[in-house]
Amino acid sequence: MNAQTFFPGTDIAEIFGKVWRNGGLSQSDRHYLRFALLREHLSDEERATIDRMLHAVRRGWLQIFD
């Protein structure tokens, strides 16, 4: 099963845009990203996008929302 099964109509690029608009990662965003990282066929571009978001959290540019 892939992330699209559990989160229909969403992809990494949409999450990336939403996260930057909101200024942080919600719990559902984190669940989606965790599941996406666990799937085997994640492209290099998708992995780099997730890495950028995590780097932004570490630098304090994005927050973690509960």
PDB file of N, CA and C in Angstrom:
ATOM      1  N   MET A   1       0.830  -1.172   0.000  1.00  0.00           N
ATOM      2  CA  MET A   1       0.000   0.000   0.000  1.00  0.00           C
ATOM      3  C   MET A   1       0.877   1.240   0.000  1.00  0.00           C
ATOM      4  N   ASN A   2       0.474   2.269  -0.718  1.00  0.00           N
ATOM      5  CA  ASN A   2       1.285   3.481  -0.759  1.00  0.00           C
ATOM      6  C   ASN A   2       0.585   4.637  -0.053  1.00  0.00           C
ATOM      7  N   ALA A   3       1.269   5.762   0.028  1.00  0.00           N
ATOM      8  CA  ALA A   3       0.739   6.926   0.743  1.00  0.00           C
ATOM      9  C   ALA A   3      -0.534   7.443   0.091  1.00  0.00           C
ATOM     10  N   GLN A   4      -0.650   7.299  -1.230  1.00  0.00           N
ATOM     11  CA  GLN A   4      -1.842   7.781  -1.910  1.00  0.00           C
ATOM     12  C   GLN A   4      -3.087   7.005  -1.482  1.00  0.00           C
ATOM     13  N   THR A   5      -2.933   5.779  -1.036  1.00  0.00           N
ATOM     14  CA  THR A   5      -4.065   4.997  -0.558  1.00  0.00           C
ATOM     15  C   THR A   5      -4.626   5.592   0.723  1.00  0.00           C
ATOM     16  N   PHE A   6      -3.740   5.995   1.633  1.00  0.00           N
ATOM     17  CA  PHE A   6      -4.181   6.550   2.900  1.00  0.00           C
ATOM     18  C   PHE A   6      -4.467   8.041   2.818  1.00  0.00           C
ATOM     19  N   PHE A   7      -3.800   8.737   1.909  1.00  0.00           N
ATOM     20  CA  PHE A   7      -3.947  10.178   1.759  1.00  0.00           C
ATOM     21  C   PHE A   7      -4.266  10.492   0.300  1.00  0.00           C
ATOM     22  N   PRO A   8      -5.482  10.179  -0.148  1.00  0.00           N
ATOM     23  CA  PRO A   8      -5.794  10.353  -1.564  1.00  0.00           C
ATOM     24  C   PRO A   8      -5.733  11.819  -1.976  1.00  0.00           C
ATOM     25  N   GLY A   9      -5.214  12.064  -3.167  1.00  0.00           N
ATOM     26  CA  GLY A   9      -5.183  13.410  -3.715  1.00  0.00           C
ATOM     27  C   GLY A   9      -4.085  14.302  -3.175  1.00  0.00           C
ATOM     28  N   THR A  10      -3.149  13.755  -2.415  1.00  0.00           N
ATOM     29  CA  THR A  10      -2.052  14.571  -1.908  1.00  0.00           C
ATOM     30  C   THR A  10      -0.728  14.025  -2.415  1.00  0.00           C
ATOM     31  N   ASP A  11       0.230  14.911  -2.518  1.00  0.00           N
ATOM     32  CA  ASP A  11       1.581  14.477  -2.841  1.00  0.00           C
ATOM     33  C   ASP A  11       2.563  15.357  -2.078  1.00  0.00           C
ATOM     34  N   ILE A  12       3.826  15.049  -2.181  1.00  0.00           N
ATOM     35  CA  ILE A  12       4.862  15.735  -1.410  1.00  0.00           C
ATOM     36  C   ILE A  12       4.893  17.226  -1.749  1.00  0.00           C
ATOM     37  N   ALA A  13       4.742  17.576  -3.029  1.00  0.00           N
ATOM     38  CA  ALA A  13       4.783  18.983  -3.441  1.00  0.00           C
ATOM     39  C   ALA A  13       3.637  19.778  -2.812  1.00  0.00           C
ATOM     40  N   GLU A  14       2.444  19.184  -2.739  1.00  0.00           N
ATOM     41  CA  GLU A  14       1.306  19.859  -2.109  1.00  0.00           C
ATOM     42  C   GLU A  14       1.554  20.062  -0.621  1.00  0.00           C
ATOM     43  N   ILE A  15       2.080  19.048   0.041  1.00  0.00           N
ATOM     44  CA  ILE A  15       2.402  19.158   1.466  1.00  0.00           C
ATOM     45  C   ILE A  15       3.452  20.242   1.675  1.00  0.00           C
ATOM     46  N   PHE A  16       4.480  20.273   0.816  1.00  0.00           N
ATOM     47  CA  PHE A  16       5.545  21.271   0.907  1.00  0.00           C
ATOM     48  C   PHE A  16       4.963  22.687   0.840  1.00  0.00           C
ATOM     49  N   GLY A  17       4.102  22.941  -0.128  1.00  0.00           N
ATOM     50  CA  GLY A  17       3.478  24.259  -0.264  1.00  0.00           C
ATOM     51  C   GLY A  17       2.619  24.614   0.935  1.00  0.00           C
ATOM     52  N   LYS A  18       1.830  23.661   1.397  1.00  0.00           N
ATOM     53  CA  LYS A  18       0.959  23.897   2.549  1.00  0.00           C
ATOM     54  C   LYS A  18       1.770  24.190   3.806  1.00  0.00           C
ATOM     55  N   VAL A  19       2.832  23.431   4.010  1.00  0.00           N
ATOM     56  CA  VAL A  19       3.675  23.604   5.197  1.00  0.00           C
ATOM     57  C   VAL A  19       4.299  24.996   5.209  1.00  0.00           C
ATOM     58  N   TRP A  20       4.815  25.450   4.079  1.00  0.00           N
ATOM     59  CA  TRP A  20       5.438  26.779   4.027  1.00  0.00           C
ATOM     60  C   TRP A  20       4.398  27.883   4.159  1.00  0.00           C
ATOM     61  N   ARG A  21       3.190  27.699   3.626  1.00  0.00           N
ATOM     62  CA  ARG A  21       2.119  28.694   3.806  1.00  0.00           C
ATOM     63  C   ARG A  21       1.725  28.810   5.265  1.00  0.00           C
ATOM     64  N   ASN A  22       1.632  27.667   5.955  1.00  0.00           N
ATOM     65  CA  ASN A  22       1.196  27.645   7.352  1.00  0.00           C
ATOM     66  C   ASN A  22       2.321  27.933   8.335  1.00  0.00           C
ATOM     67  N   GLY A  23       3.540  27.826   7.896  1.00  0.00           N
ATOM     68  CA  GLY A  23       4.680  28.086   8.771  1.00  0.00           C
ATOM     69  C   GLY A  23       5.070  26.912   9.649  1.00  0.00           C
ATOM     70  N   GLY A  24       4.536  25.733   9.364  1.00  0.00           N
ATOM     71  CA  GLY A  24       4.905  24.573  10.162  1.00  0.00           C
ATOM     72  C   GLY A  24       4.201  23.307   9.716  1.00  0.00           C
ATOM     73  N   LEU A  25       4.586  22.214  10.365  1.00  0.00           N
ATOM     74  CA  LEU A  25       4.050  20.887  10.068  1.00  0.00           C
ATOM     75  C   LEU A  25       2.968  20.517  11.070  1.00  0.00           C
ATOM     76  N   SER A  26       1.792  20.176  10.566  1.00  0.00           N
ATOM     77  CA  SER A  26       0.726  19.681  11.437  1.00  0.00           C
ATOM     78  C   SER A  26       0.945  18.192  11.690  1.00  0.00           C
ATOM     79  N   GLN A  27       0.148  17.643  12.573  1.00  0.00           N
ATOM     80  CA  GLN A  27       0.274  16.216  12.871  1.00  0.00           C
ATOM     81  C   GLN A  27      -0.036  15.372  11.634  1.00  0.00           C
ATOM     82  N   SER A  28      -1.052  15.754  10.876  1.00  0.00           N
ATOM     83  CA  SER A  28      -1.378  14.978   9.672  1.00  0.00           C
ATOM     84  C   SER A  28      -0.270  15.089   8.620  1.00  0.00           C
ATOM     85  N   ASP A  29       0.374  16.260   8.526  1.00  0.00           N
ATOM     86  CA  ASP A  29       1.519  16.402   7.614  1.00  0.00           C
ATOM     87  C   ASP A  29       2.638  15.450   8.015  1.00  0.00           C
ATOM     88  N   ARG A  30       2.921  15.377   9.302  1.00  0.00           N
ATOM     89  CA  ARG A  30       3.986  14.498   9.792  1.00  0.00           C
ATOM     90  C   ARG A  30       3.662  13.036   9.530  1.00  0.00           C
ATOM     91  N   HIS A  31       2.395  12.654   9.714  1.00  0.00           N
ATOM     92  CA  HIS A  31       1.996  11.268   9.440  1.00  0.00           C
ATOM     93  C   HIS A  31       2.191  10.944   7.958  1.00  0.00           C
ATOM     94  N   TYR A  32       1.785  11.872   7.092  1.00  0.00           N
ATOM     95  CA  TYR A  32       1.943  11.635   5.661  1.00  0.00           C
ATOM     96  C   TYR A  32       3.417  11.495   5.296  1.00  0.00           C
ATOM     97  N   LEU A  33       4.251  12.397   5.816  1.00  0.00           N
ATOM     98  CA  LEU A  33       5.677  12.354   5.493  1.00  0.00           C
ATOM     99  C   LEU A  33       6.336  11.091   6.023  1.00  0.00           C
ATOM    100  N   ARG A  34       5.944  10.673   7.217  1.00  0.00           N
ATOM    101  CA  ARG A  34       6.500   9.439   7.777  1.00  0.00           C
ATOM    102  C   ARG A  34       6.143   8.255   6.884  1.00  0.00           C
ATOM    103  N   PHE A  35       4.888   8.185   6.477  1.00  0.00           N
ATOM    104  CA  PHE A  35       4.463   7.077   5.629  1.00  0.00           C
ATOM    105  C   PHE A  35       5.163   7.132   4.271  1.00  0.00           C
ATOM    106  N   ALA A  36       5.318   8.337   3.728  1.00  0.00           N
ATOM    107  CA  ALA A  36       5.988   8.485   2.432  1.00  0.00           C
ATOM    108  C   ALA A  36       7.439   8.027   2.512  1.00  0.00           C
ATOM    109  N   LEU A  37       8.106   8.317   3.622  1.00  0.00           N
ATOM    110  CA  LEU A  37       9.500   7.893   3.776  1.00  0.00           C
ATOM    111  C   LEU A  37       9.632   6.381   3.883  1.00  0.00           C
ATOM    112  N   LEU A  38       8.604   5.724   4.376  1.00  0.00           N
ATOM    113  CA  LEU A  38       8.658   4.273   4.536  1.00  0.00           C
ATOM    114  C   LEU A  38       8.389   3.512   3.244  1.00  0.00           C
ATOM    115  N   ARG A  39       7.780   4.167   2.275  1.00  0.00           N
ATOM    116  CA  ARG A  39       7.521   3.455   1.020  1.00  0.00           C
ATOM    117  C   ARG A  39       8.816   3.328   0.235  1.00  0.00           C
ATOM    118  N   GLU A  40       8.903   2.299  -0.542  1.00  0.00           N
ATOM    119  CA  GLU A  40      10.160   1.949  -1.193  1.00  0.00           C
ATOM    120  C   GLU A  40      10.456   2.769  -2.442  1.00  0.00           C
ATOM    121  N   HIS A  41       9.474   3.279  -3.132  1.00  0.00           N
ATOM    122  CA  HIS A  41       9.696   3.906  -4.433  1.00  0.00           C
ATOM    123  C   HIS A  41       9.582   5.436  -4.380  1.00  0.00           C
ATOM    124  N   LEU A  42      10.166   6.039  -3.378  1.00  0.00           N
ATOM    125  CA  LEU A  42      10.205   7.490  -3.251  1.00  0.00           C
ATOM    126  C   LEU A  42      11.288   8.025  -4.192  1.00  0.00           C
ATOM    127  N   SER A  43      10.925   9.004  -5.012  1.00  0.00           N
ATOM    128  CA  SER A  43      11.910   9.540  -5.966  1.00  0.00           C
ATOM    129  C   SER A  43      12.945  10.401  -5.241  1.00  0.00           C
ATOM    130  N   ASP A  44      14.048  10.653  -5.923  1.00  0.00           N
ATOM    131  CA  ASP A  44      15.099  11.501  -5.347  1.00  0.00           C
ATOM    132  C   ASP A  44      14.581  12.911  -5.077  1.00  0.00           C
ATOM    133  N   GLU A  45      13.741  13.419  -5.977  1.00  0.00           N
ATOM    134  CA  GLU A  45      13.174  14.760  -5.804  1.00  0.00           C
ATOM    135  C   GLU A  45      12.261  14.815  -4.576  1.00  0.00           C
ATOM    136  N   GLU A  46      11.426  13.794  -4.397  1.00  0.00           N
ATOM    137  CA  GLU A  46      10.541  13.755  -3.230  1.00  0.00           C
ATOM    138  C   GLU A  46      11.346  13.653  -1.937  1.00  0.00           C
ATOM    139  N   ARG A  47      12.370  12.837  -1.942  1.00  0.00           N
ATOM    140  CA  ARG A  47      13.222  12.693  -0.752  1.00  0.00           C
ATOM    141  C   ARG A  47      13.931  14.016  -0.433  1.00  0.00           C
ATOM    142  N   ALA A  48      14.406  14.719  -1.452  1.00  0.00           N
ATOM    143  CA  ALA A  48      15.074  16.010  -1.248  1.00  0.00           C
ATOM    144  C   ALA A  48      14.096  17.048  -0.694  1.00  0.00           C
ATOM    145  N   THR A  49      12.853  17.011  -1.140  1.00  0.00           N
ATOM    146  CA  THR A  49      11.837  17.939  -0.640  1.00  0.00           C
ATOM    147  C   THR A  49      11.571  17.694   0.838  1.00  0.00           C
ATOM    148  N   ILE A  50      11.460  16.443   1.231  1.00  0.00           N
ATOM    149  CA  ILE A  50      11.261  16.108   2.642  1.00  0.00           C
ATOM    150  C   ILE A  50      12.473  16.547   3.452  1.00  0.00           C
ATOM    151  N   ASP A  51      13.666  16.315   2.921  1.00  0.00           N
ATOM    152  CA  ASP A  51      14.891  16.748   3.607  1.00  0.00           C
ATOM    153  C   ASP A  51      14.908  18.261   3.810  1.00  0.00           C
ATOM    154  N   ARG A  52      14.440  19.019   2.813  1.00  0.00           N
ATOM    155  CA  ARG A  52      14.386  20.483   2.941  1.00  0.00           C
ATOM    156  C   ARG A  52      13.455  20.901   4.068  1.00  0.00           C
ATOM    157  N   MET A  53      12.307  20.241   4.165  1.00  0.00           N
ATOM    158  CA  MET A  53      11.365  20.585   5.241  1.00  0.00           C
ATOM    159  C   MET A  53      11.963  20.271   6.608  1.00  0.00           C
ATOM    160  N   LEU A  54      12.595  19.123   6.737  1.00  0.00           N
ATOM    161  CA  LEU A  54      13.198  18.758   8.018  1.00  0.00           C
ATOM    162  C   LEU A  54      14.350  19.692   8.378  1.00  0.00           C
ATOM    163  N   HIS A  55      15.118  20.103   7.391  1.00  0.00           N
ATOM    164  CA  HIS A  55      16.194  21.066   7.629  1.00  0.00           C
ATOM    165  C   HIS A  55      15.611  22.397   8.120  1.00  0.00           C
ATOM    166  N   ALA A  56      14.509  22.832   7.515  1.00  0.00           N
ATOM    167  CA  ALA A  56      13.863  24.082   7.924  1.00  0.00           C
ATOM    168  C   ALA A  56      13.350  24.002   9.359  1.00  0.00           C
ATOM    169  N   VAL A  57      12.871  22.843   9.773  1.00  0.00           N
ATOM    170  CA  VAL A  57      12.436  22.664  11.167  1.00  0.00           C
ATOM    171  C   VAL A  57      13.640  22.769  12.094  1.00  0.00           C
ATOM    172  N   ARG A  58      14.721  22.102  11.751  1.00  0.00           N
ATOM    173  CA  ARG A  58      15.931  22.163  12.586  1.00  0.00           C
ATOM    174  C   ARG A  58      16.474  23.583  12.699  1.00  0.00           C
ATOM    175  N   ARG A  59      16.390  24.361  11.641  1.00  0.00           N
ATOM    176  CA  ARG A  59      16.895  25.732  11.647  1.00  0.00           C
ATOM    177  C   ARG A  59      15.926  26.711  12.314  1.00  0.00           C
ATOM    178  N   GLY A  60      14.698  26.267  12.580  1.00  0.00           N
ATOM    179  CA  GLY A  60      13.717  27.140  13.211  1.00  0.00           C
ATOM    180  C   GLY A  60      12.875  27.938  12.230  1.00  0.00           C
ATOM    181  N   TRP A  61      13.011  27.648  10.943  1.00  0.00           N
ATOM    182  CA  TRP A  61      12.236  28.350   9.935  1.00  0.00           C
ATOM    183  C   TRP A  61      10.805  27.835   9.871  1.00  0.00           C
ATOM    184  N   LEU A  62      10.600  26.588  10.251  1.00  0.00           N
ATOM    185  CA  LEU A  62       9.271  25.982  10.330  1.00  0.00           C
ATOM    186  C   LEU A  62       9.066  25.444  11.735  1.00  0.00           C
ATOM    187  N   GLN A  63       7.807  25.427  12.157  1.00  0.00           N
ATOM    188  CA  GLN A  63       7.472  24.922  13.484  1.00  0.00           C
ATOM    189  C   GLN A  63       6.779  23.568  13.366  1.00  0.00           C
ATOM    190  N   ILE A  64       6.678  22.896  14.502  1.00  0.00           N
ATOM    191  CA  ILE A  64       5.912  21.657  14.615  1.00  0.00           C
ATOM    192  C   ILE A  64       4.646  21.992  15.394  1.00  0.00           C
ATOM    193  N   PHE A  65       3.481  21.794  14.755  1.00  0.00           N
ATOM    194  CA  PHE A  65       2.199  22.058  15.408  1.00  0.00           C
ATOM    195  C   PHE A  65       1.616  20.760  15.947  1.00  0.00           C
ATOM    196  N   ASP A  66       0.934  20.839  17.066  1.00  0.00           N
ATOM    197  CA  ASP A  66       0.264  19.659  17.637  1.00  0.00           C
ATOM    198  C   ASP A  66      -1.126  19.500  17.100  1.00  0.00           C
TER     199      ASP A  66
END
